[in-house]
Amino acid sequence: MAITKKRIIDKIEIVGPFKHLQVRYATIIEEDGVEINRTYDRGKGVISPDKDITGEDQEIKDVANIVWTPEVKQAWHDHMAVVK
């Protein structure tokens, strides 16, 4: 009887005009290859276009590099300048 535990990216959502990334992780417990439990968490929370993503999983980087265009990054920068 082997019990294993793994954590995977379950979902990446692109949210709002500034293309924030919401990443949901799943922790899966299996016994002899059969899933017996699954829980979810949001990890570090929402990732905004000004964040350094060098330490993120490649899947997150790939999505960010597609949706965080120079225009989106500039719009986020301009928005944050007004909010502060």
PDB file of N, CA and C in Angstrom:
ATOM      1  N   MET A   1       0.847  -1.175   0.000  1.00  0.00           N
ATOM      2  CA  MET A   1       0.000   0.000   0.000  1.00  0.00           C
ATOM      3  C   MET A   1       0.893   1.240   0.000  1.00  0.00           C
ATOM      4  N   ALA A   2       0.917   1.953  -1.144  1.00  0.00           N
ATOM      5  CA  ALA A   2       1.737   3.155  -1.267  1.00  0.00           C
ATOM      6  C   ALA A   2       0.841   4.394  -1.285  1.00  0.00           C
ATOM      7  N   ILE A   3       1.176   5.323  -0.400  1.00  0.00           N
ATOM      8  CA  ILE A   3       0.453   6.592  -0.362  1.00  0.00           C
ATOM      9  C   ILE A   3       1.382   7.666  -0.907  1.00  0.00           C
ATOM     10  N   THR A   4       0.869   8.436  -1.865  1.00  0.00           N
ATOM     11  CA  THR A   4       1.657   9.509  -2.460  1.00  0.00           C
ATOM     12  C   THR A   4       0.894  10.827  -2.348  1.00  0.00           C
ATOM     13  N   LYS A   5       1.661  11.902  -2.363  1.00  0.00           N
ATOM     14  CA  LYS A   5       1.084  13.240  -2.288  1.00  0.00           C
ATOM     15  C   LYS A   5       1.761  14.088  -3.357  1.00  0.00           C
ATOM     16  N   LYS A   6       0.957  14.803  -4.136  1.00  0.00           N
ATOM     17  CA  LYS A   6       1.528  15.700  -5.129  1.00  0.00           C
ATOM     18  C   LYS A   6       0.731  17.002  -5.165  1.00  0.00           C
ATOM     19  N   ARG A   7       1.419  18.059  -5.562  1.00  0.00           N
ATOM     20  CA  ARG A   7       0.794  19.384  -5.668  1.00  0.00           C
ATOM     21  C   ARG A   7       0.971  19.854  -7.108  1.00  0.00           C
ATOM     22  N   ILE A   8      -0.150  20.203  -7.740  1.00  0.00           N
ATOM     23  CA  ILE A   8      -0.118  20.605  -9.135  1.00  0.00           C
ATOM     24  C   ILE A   8      -0.845  21.932  -9.315  1.00  0.00           C
ATOM     25  N   ILE A   9      -0.526  22.616 -10.406  1.00  0.00           N
ATOM     26  CA  ILE A   9      -1.328  23.779 -10.791  1.00  0.00           C
ATOM     27  C   ILE A   9      -2.623  23.235 -11.367  1.00  0.00           C
ATOM     28  N   ASP A  10      -3.724  23.601 -10.754  1.00  0.00           N
ATOM     29  CA  ASP A  10      -5.026  23.088 -11.158  1.00  0.00           C
ATOM     30  C   ASP A  10      -5.731  24.034 -12.117  1.00  0.00           C
ATOM     31  N   LYS A  11      -5.513  25.340 -11.919  1.00  0.00           N
ATOM     32  CA  LYS A  11      -6.229  26.320 -12.731  1.00  0.00           C
ATOM     33  C   LYS A  11      -5.474  27.640 -12.707  1.00  0.00           C
ATOM     34  N   ILE A  12      -5.407  28.300 -13.866  1.00  0.00           N
ATOM     35  CA  ILE A  12      -4.887  29.661 -13.946  1.00  0.00           C
ATOM     36  C   ILE A  12      -5.982  30.517 -14.560  1.00  0.00           C
ATOM     37  N   GLU A  13      -6.415  31.523 -13.806  1.00  0.00           N
ATOM     38  CA  GLU A  13      -7.458  32.421 -14.296  1.00  0.00           C
ATOM     39  C   GLU A  13      -6.847  33.787 -14.595  1.00  0.00           C
ATOM     40  N   ILE A  14      -7.279  34.389 -15.683  1.00  0.00           N
ATOM     41  CA  ILE A  14      -6.857  35.735 -16.069  1.00  0.00           C
ATOM     42  C   ILE A  14      -8.003  36.662 -15.718  1.00  0.00           C
ATOM     43  N   VAL A  15      -7.730  37.635 -14.836  1.00  0.00           N
ATOM     44  CA  VAL A  15      -8.809  38.419 -14.255  1.00  0.00           C
ATOM     45  C   VAL A  15      -8.615  39.913 -14.509  1.00  0.00           C
ATOM     46  N   GLY A  16      -9.656  40.561 -14.982  1.00  0.00           N
ATOM     47  CA  GLY A  16      -9.711  42.014 -15.079  1.00  0.00           C
ATOM     48  C   GLY A  16      -8.909  42.622 -16.214  1.00  0.00           C
ATOM     49  N   PRO A  17      -9.019  43.944 -16.336  1.00  0.00           N
ATOM     50  CA  PRO A  17      -8.366  44.646 -17.447  1.00  0.00           C
ATOM     51  C   PRO A  17      -6.842  44.625 -17.372  1.00  0.00           C
ATOM     52  N   PHE A  18      -6.297  44.380 -16.189  1.00  0.00           N
ATOM     53  CA  PHE A  18      -4.846  44.355 -16.028  1.00  0.00           C
ATOM     54  C   PHE A  18      -4.290  42.930 -16.052  1.00  0.00           C
ATOM     55  N   LYS A  19      -5.144  41.980 -16.373  1.00  0.00           N
ATOM     56  CA  LYS A  19      -4.752  40.578 -16.579  1.00  0.00           C
ATOM     57  C   LYS A  19      -4.031  39.971 -15.374  1.00  0.00           C
ATOM     58  N   HIS A  20      -4.567  40.227 -14.183  1.00  0.00           N
ATOM     59  CA  HIS A  20      -4.016  39.574 -12.993  1.00  0.00           C
ATOM     60  C   HIS A  20      -4.181  38.063 -13.138  1.00  0.00           C
ATOM     61  N   LEU A  21      -3.240  37.329 -12.584  1.00  0.00           N
ATOM     62  CA  LEU A  21      -3.304  35.866 -12.635  1.00  0.00           C
ATOM     63  C   LEU A  21      -3.687  35.323 -11.263  1.00  0.00           C
ATOM     64  N   GLN A  22      -4.730  34.533 -11.247  1.00  0.00           N
ATOM     65  CA  GLN A  22      -5.117  33.801 -10.039  1.00  0.00           C
ATOM     66  C   GLN A  22      -4.751  32.345 -10.287  1.00  0.00           C
ATOM     67  N   VAL A  23      -3.897  31.821  -9.454  1.00  0.00           N
ATOM     68  CA  VAL A  23      -3.427  30.452  -9.632  1.00  0.00           C
ATOM     69  C   VAL A  23      -3.997  29.588  -8.513  1.00  0.00           C
ATOM     70  N   ARG A  24      -4.662  28.505  -8.915  1.00  0.00           N
ATOM     71  CA  ARG A  24      -5.183  27.562  -7.930  1.00  0.00           C
ATOM     72  C   ARG A  24      -4.371  26.279  -8.020  1.00  0.00           C
ATOM     73  N   TYR A  25      -3.938  25.812  -6.868  1.00  0.00           N
ATOM     74  CA  TYR A  25      -3.178  24.571  -6.766  1.00  0.00           C
ATOM     75  C   TYR A  25      -4.061  23.478  -6.173  1.00  0.00           C
ATOM     76  N   ALA A  26      -3.801  22.256  -6.576  1.00  0.00           N
ATOM     77  CA  ALA A  26      -4.474  21.103  -5.994  1.00  0.00           C
ATOM     78  C   ALA A  26      -3.419  20.226  -5.333  1.00  0.00           C
ATOM     79  N   THR A  27      -3.711  19.800  -4.114  1.00  0.00           N
ATOM     80  CA  THR A  27      -2.883  18.809  -3.434  1.00  0.00           C
ATOM     81  C   THR A  27      -3.658  17.502  -3.488  1.00  0.00           C
ATOM     82  N   ILE A  28      -3.050  16.504  -4.086  1.00  0.00           N
ATOM     83  CA  ILE A  28      -3.728  15.233  -4.334  1.00  0.00           C
ATOM     84  C   ILE A  28      -3.042  14.134  -3.537  1.00  0.00           C
ATOM     85  N   ILE A  29      -3.844  13.403  -2.791  1.00  0.00           N
ATOM     86  CA  ILE A  29      -3.363  12.233  -2.038  1.00  0.00           C
ATOM     87  C   ILE A  29      -3.888  10.988  -2.758  1.00  0.00           C
ATOM     88  N   GLU A  30      -2.971  10.082  -3.068  1.00  0.00           N
ATOM     89  CA  GLU A  30      -3.349   8.841  -3.737  1.00  0.00           C
ATOM     90  C   GLU A  30      -2.880   7.640  -2.929  1.00  0.00           C
ATOM     91  N   GLU A  31      -3.670   6.610  -2.998  1.00  0.00           N
ATOM     92  CA  GLU A  31      -3.297   5.328  -2.391  1.00  0.00           C
ATOM     93  C   GLU A  31      -3.305   4.288  -3.491  1.00  0.00           C
ATOM     94  N   ASP A  32      -2.151   3.724  -3.754  1.00  0.00           N
ATOM     95  CA  ASP A  32      -1.985   2.738  -4.828  1.00  0.00           C
ATOM     96  C   ASP A  32      -2.516   3.267  -6.162  1.00  0.00           C
ATOM     97  N   GLY A  33      -2.241   4.554  -6.438  1.00  0.00           N
ATOM     98  CA  GLY A  33      -2.638   5.147  -7.708  1.00  0.00           C
ATOM     99  C   GLY A  33      -4.072   5.628  -7.791  1.00  0.00           C
ATOM    100  N   VAL A  34      -4.825   5.455  -6.700  1.00  0.00           N
ATOM    101  CA  VAL A  34      -6.228   5.887  -6.676  1.00  0.00           C
ATOM    102  C   VAL A  34      -6.344   7.118  -5.789  1.00  0.00           C
ATOM    103  N   GLU A  35      -6.920   8.167  -6.347  1.00  0.00           N
ATOM    104  CA  GLU A  35      -7.077   9.412  -5.586  1.00  0.00           C
ATOM    105  C   GLU A  35      -8.044   9.199  -4.425  1.00  0.00           C
ATOM    106  N   ILE A  36      -7.586   9.564  -3.219  1.00  0.00           N
ATOM    107  CA  ILE A  36      -8.446   9.431  -2.047  1.00  0.00           C
ATOM    108  C   ILE A  36      -8.776  10.784  -1.422  1.00  0.00           C
ATOM    109  N   ASN A  37      -8.049  11.832  -1.825  1.00  0.00           N
ATOM    110  CA  ASN A  37      -8.329  13.161  -1.278  1.00  0.00           C
ATOM    111  C   ASN A  37      -7.742  14.218  -2.212  1.00  0.00           C
ATOM    112  N   ARG A  38      -8.427  15.358  -2.282  1.00  0.00           N
ATOM    113  CA  ARG A  38      -7.942  16.492  -3.075  1.00  0.00           C
ATOM    114  C   ARG A  38      -8.371  17.769  -2.361  1.00  0.00           C
ATOM    115  N   THR A  39      -7.411  18.653  -2.141  1.00  0.00           N
ATOM    116  CA  THR A  39      -7.704  19.959  -1.556  1.00  0.00           C
ATOM    117  C   THR A  39      -7.119  21.039  -2.458  1.00  0.00           C
ATOM    118  N   TYR A  40      -7.645  22.255  -2.310  1.00  0.00           N
ATOM    119  CA  TYR A  40      -7.229  23.368  -3.158  1.00  0.00           C
ATOM    120  C   TYR A  40      -6.720  24.524  -2.311  1.00  0.00           C
ATOM    121  N   ASP A  41      -5.788  25.278  -2.881  1.00  0.00           N
ATOM    122  CA  ASP A  41      -5.344  26.517  -2.244  1.00  0.00           C
ATOM    123  C   ASP A  41      -4.895  27.474  -3.331  1.00  0.00           C
ATOM    124  N   ARG A  42      -4.771  28.740  -2.972  1.00  0.00           N
ATOM    125  CA  ARG A  42      -4.393  29.783  -3.934  1.00  0.00           C
ATOM    126  C   ARG A  42      -2.909  30.143  -3.849  1.00  0.00           C
ATOM    127  N   GLY A  43      -2.136  29.393  -3.126  1.00  0.00           N
ATOM    128  CA  GLY A  43      -0.700  29.641  -3.079  1.00  0.00           C
ATOM    129  C   GLY A  43      -0.380  31.051  -2.618  1.00  0.00           C
ATOM    130  N   LYS A  44       0.315  31.802  -3.456  1.00  0.00           N
ATOM    131  CA  LYS A  44       0.744  33.156  -3.114  1.00  0.00           C
ATOM    132  C   LYS A  44      -0.342  34.195  -3.370  1.00  0.00           C
ATOM    133  N   GLY A  45      -1.477  33.782  -3.864  1.00  0.00           N
ATOM    134  CA  GLY A  45      -2.546  34.730  -4.150  1.00  0.00           C
ATOM    135  C   GLY A  45      -2.493  35.223  -5.581  1.00  0.00           C
ATOM    136  N   VAL A  46      -2.978  36.427  -5.793  1.00  0.00           N
ATOM    137  CA  VAL A  46      -3.061  37.011  -7.123  1.00  0.00           C
ATOM    138  C   VAL A  46      -1.696  37.556  -7.553  1.00  0.00           C
ATOM    139  N   ILE A  47      -1.348  37.334  -8.794  1.00  0.00           N
ATOM    140  CA  ILE A  47      -0.077  37.821  -9.332  1.00  0.00           C
ATOM    141  C   ILE A  47      -0.378  38.974 -10.287  1.00  0.00           C
ATOM    142  N   SER A  48       0.147  40.143  -9.979  1.00  0.00           N
ATOM    143  CA  SER A  48      -0.100  41.325 -10.812  1.00  0.00           C
ATOM    144  C   SER A  48       1.019  41.504 -11.833  1.00  0.00           C
ATOM    145  N   PRO A  49       0.751  42.296 -12.886  1.00  0.00           N
ATOM    146  CA  PRO A  49       1.712  42.427 -13.990  1.00  0.00           C
ATOM    147  C   PRO A  49       3.057  43.047 -13.629  1.00  0.00           C
ATOM    148  N   ASP A  50       3.182  43.618 -12.445  1.00  0.00           N
ATOM    149  CA  ASP A  50       4.472  44.206 -12.059  1.00  0.00           C
ATOM    150  C   ASP A  50       5.334  43.257 -11.231  1.00  0.00           C
ATOM    151  N   LYS A  51       4.852  42.062 -10.988  1.00  0.00           N
ATOM    152  CA  LYS A  51       5.589  41.109 -10.154  1.00  0.00           C
ATOM    153  C   LYS A  51       6.695  40.403 -10.924  1.00  0.00           C
ATOM    154  N   ASP A  52       7.761  40.075 -10.215  1.00  0.00           N
ATOM    155  CA  ASP A  52       8.847  39.282 -10.768  1.00  0.00           C
ATOM    156  C   ASP A  52       8.399  37.826 -10.755  1.00  0.00           C
ATOM    157  N   ILE A  53       8.335  37.217 -11.909  1.00  0.00           N
ATOM    158  CA  ILE A  53       7.830  35.839 -11.997  1.00  0.00           C
ATOM    159  C   ILE A  53       8.941  34.829 -12.279  1.00  0.00           C
ATOM    160  N   THR A  54      10.183  35.232 -12.110  1.00  0.00           N
ATOM    161  CA  THR A  54      11.287  34.324 -12.437  1.00  0.00           C
ATOM    162  C   THR A  54      11.253  33.045 -11.608  1.00  0.00           C
ATOM    163  N   GLY A  55      10.716  33.085 -10.393  1.00  0.00           N
ATOM    164  CA  GLY A  55      10.672  31.893  -9.550  1.00  0.00           C
ATOM    165  C   GLY A  55       9.402  31.073  -9.699  1.00  0.00           C
ATOM    166  N   GLU A  56       8.509  31.485 -10.588  1.00  0.00           N
ATOM    167  CA  GLU A  56       7.241  30.773 -10.763  1.00  0.00           C
ATOM    168  C   GLU A  56       7.416  29.563 -11.682  1.00  0.00           C
ATOM    169  N   ASP A  57       6.430  28.672 -11.646  1.00  0.00           N
ATOM    170  CA  ASP A  57       6.417  27.516 -12.547  1.00  0.00           C
ATOM    171  C   ASP A  57       6.357  27.998 -13.996  1.00  0.00           C
ATOM    172  N   GLN A  58       6.896  27.204 -14.893  1.00  0.00           N
ATOM    173  CA  GLN A  58       6.943  27.578 -16.303  1.00  0.00           C
ATOM    174  C   GLN A  58       5.543  27.833 -16.868  1.00  0.00           C
ATOM    175  N   GLU A  59       4.572  27.082 -16.430  1.00  0.00           N
ATOM    176  CA  GLU A  59       3.196  27.254 -16.919  1.00  0.00           C
ATOM    177  C   GLU A  59       2.673  28.660 -16.610  1.00  0.00           C
ATOM    178  N   ILE A  60       2.976  29.166 -15.422  1.00  0.00           N
ATOM    179  CA  ILE A  60       2.571  30.516 -15.034  1.00  0.00           C
ATOM    180  C   ILE A  60       3.325  31.543 -15.880  1.00  0.00           C
ATOM    181  N   LYS A  61       4.611  31.337 -16.064  1.00  0.00           N
ATOM    182  CA  LYS A  61       5.417  32.240 -16.886  1.00  0.00           C
ATOM    183  C   LYS A  61       4.877  32.308 -18.315  1.00  0.00           C
ATOM    184  N   ASP A  62       4.511  31.157 -18.859  1.00  0.00           N
ATOM    185  CA  ASP A  62       4.010  31.112 -20.230  1.00  0.00           C
ATOM    186  C   ASP A  62       2.737  31.940 -20.384  1.00  0.00           C
ATOM    187  N   VAL A  63       1.820  31.805 -19.439  1.00  0.00           N
ATOM    188  CA  VAL A  63       0.574  32.570 -19.495  1.00  0.00           C
ATOM    189  C   VAL A  63       0.863  34.060 -19.325  1.00  0.00           C
ATOM    190  N   ALA A  64       1.681  34.396 -18.342  1.00  0.00           N
ATOM    191  CA  ALA A  64       2.016  35.801 -18.094  1.00  0.00           C
ATOM    192  C   ALA A  64       2.664  36.439 -19.316  1.00  0.00           C
ATOM    193  N   ASN A  65       3.562  35.727 -19.966  1.00  0.00           N
ATOM    194  CA  ASN A  65       4.243  36.277 -21.129  1.00  0.00           C
ATOM    195  C   ASN A  65       3.305  36.501 -22.311  1.00  0.00           C
ATOM    196  N   ILE A  66       2.203  35.802 -22.353  1.00  0.00           N
ATOM    197  CA  ILE A  66       1.208  36.002 -23.405  1.00  0.00           C
ATOM    198  C   ILE A  66       0.299  37.190 -23.083  1.00  0.00           C
ATOM    199  N   VAL A  67      -0.234  37.228 -21.868  1.00  0.00           N
ATOM    200  CA  VAL A  67      -1.264  38.237 -21.559  1.00  0.00           C
ATOM    201  C   VAL A  67      -0.701  39.561 -21.053  1.00  0.00           C
ATOM    202  N   TRP A  68       0.493  39.563 -20.495  1.00  0.00           N
ATOM    203  CA  TRP A  68       1.081  40.811 -19.986  1.00  0.00           C
ATOM    204  C   TRP A  68       1.858  41.510 -21.089  1.00  0.00           C
ATOM    205  N   THR A  69       1.126  42.060 -22.013  1.00  0.00           N
ATOM    206  CA  THR A  69       1.736  42.813 -23.100  1.00  0.00           C
ATOM    207  C   THR A  69       2.332  44.104 -22.535  1.00  0.00           C
ATOM    208  N   PRO A  70       3.185  44.771 -23.303  1.00  0.00           N
ATOM    209  CA  PRO A  70       3.704  46.067 -22.842  1.00  0.00           C
ATOM    210  C   PRO A  70       2.579  47.061 -22.526  1.00  0.00           C
ATOM    211  N   GLU A  71       1.502  46.999 -23.287  1.00  0.00           N
ATOM    212  CA  GLU A  71       0.361  47.895 -23.051  1.00  0.00           C
ATOM    213  C   GLU A  71      -0.320  47.596 -21.715  1.00  0.00           C
ATOM    214  N   VAL A  72      -0.490  46.327 -21.404  1.00  0.00           N
ATOM    215  CA  VAL A  72      -1.106  45.936 -20.126  1.00  0.00           C
ATOM    216  C   VAL A  72      -0.204  46.359 -18.971  1.00  0.00           C
ATOM    217  N   LYS A  73       1.083  46.120 -19.085  1.00  0.00           N
ATOM    218  CA  LYS A  73       2.016  46.503 -18.023  1.00  0.00           C
ATOM    219  C   LYS A  73       2.016  48.009 -17.805  1.00  0.00           C
ATOM    220  N   GLN A  74       1.973  48.775 -18.895  1.00  0.00           N
ATOM    221  CA  GLN A  74       1.960  50.235 -18.771  1.00  0.00           C
ATOM    222  C   GLN A  74       0.649  50.713 -18.153  1.00  0.00           C
ATOM    223  N   ALA A  75      -0.463  50.118 -18.549  1.00  0.00           N
ATOM    224  CA  ALA A  75      -1.758  50.490 -17.972  1.00  0.00           C
ATOM    225  C   ALA A  75      -1.778  50.209 -16.474  1.00  0.00           C
ATOM    226  N   TRP A  76      -1.207  49.079 -16.052  1.00  0.00           N
ATOM    227  CA  TRP A  76      -1.134  48.748 -14.627  1.00  0.00           C
ATOM    228  C   TRP A  76      -0.250  49.760 -13.896  1.00  0.00           C
ATOM    229  N   HIS A  77       0.895  50.081 -14.480  1.00  0.00           N
ATOM    230  CA  HIS A  77       1.805  51.073 -13.889  1.00  0.00           C
ATOM    231  C   HIS A  77       1.094  52.422 -13.732  1.00  0.00           C
ATOM    232  N   ASP A  78       0.395  52.865 -14.768  1.00  0.00           N
ATOM    233  CA  ASP A  78      -0.331  54.130 -14.724  1.00  0.00           C
ATOM    234  C   ASP A  78      -1.432  54.099 -13.656  1.00  0.00           C
ATOM    235  N   HIS A  79      -2.126  52.987 -13.577  1.00  0.00           N
ATOM    236  CA  HIS A  79      -3.189  52.833 -12.571  1.00  0.00           C
ATOM    237  C   HIS A  79      -2.620  52.916 -11.162  1.00  0.00           C
ATOM    238  N   MET A  80      -1.524  52.229 -10.924  1.00  0.00           N
ATOM    239  CA  MET A  80      -0.929  52.223  -9.592  1.00  0.00           C
ATOM    240  C   MET A  80      -0.377  53.600  -9.222  1.00  0.00           C
ATOM    241  N   ALA A  81       0.086  54.364 -10.186  1.00  0.00           N
ATOM    242  CA  ALA A  81       0.579  55.717  -9.923  1.00  0.00           C
ATOM    243  C   ALA A  81      -0.549  56.613  -9.429  1.00  0.00           C
ATOM    244  N   VAL A  82      -1.748  56.406  -9.951  1.00  0.00           N
ATOM    245  CA  VAL A  82      -2.913  57.195  -9.540  1.00  0.00           C
ATOM    246  C   VAL A  82      -3.413  56.750  -8.162  1.00  0.00           C
ATOM    247  N   VAL A  83      -3.399  55.450  -7.918  1.00  0.00           N
ATOM    248  CA  VAL A  83      -3.924  54.888  -6.679  1.00  0.00           C
ATOM    249  C   VAL A  83      -3.038  55.257  -5.490  1.00  0.00           C
ATOM    250  N   LYS A  84      -1.733  55.297  -5.682  1.00  0.00           N
ATOM    251  CA  LYS A  84      -0.809  55.592  -4.581  1.00  0.00           C
ATOM    252  C   LYS A  84      -0.906  57.022  -4.269  1.00  0.00           C
TER     253      LYS A  84
END
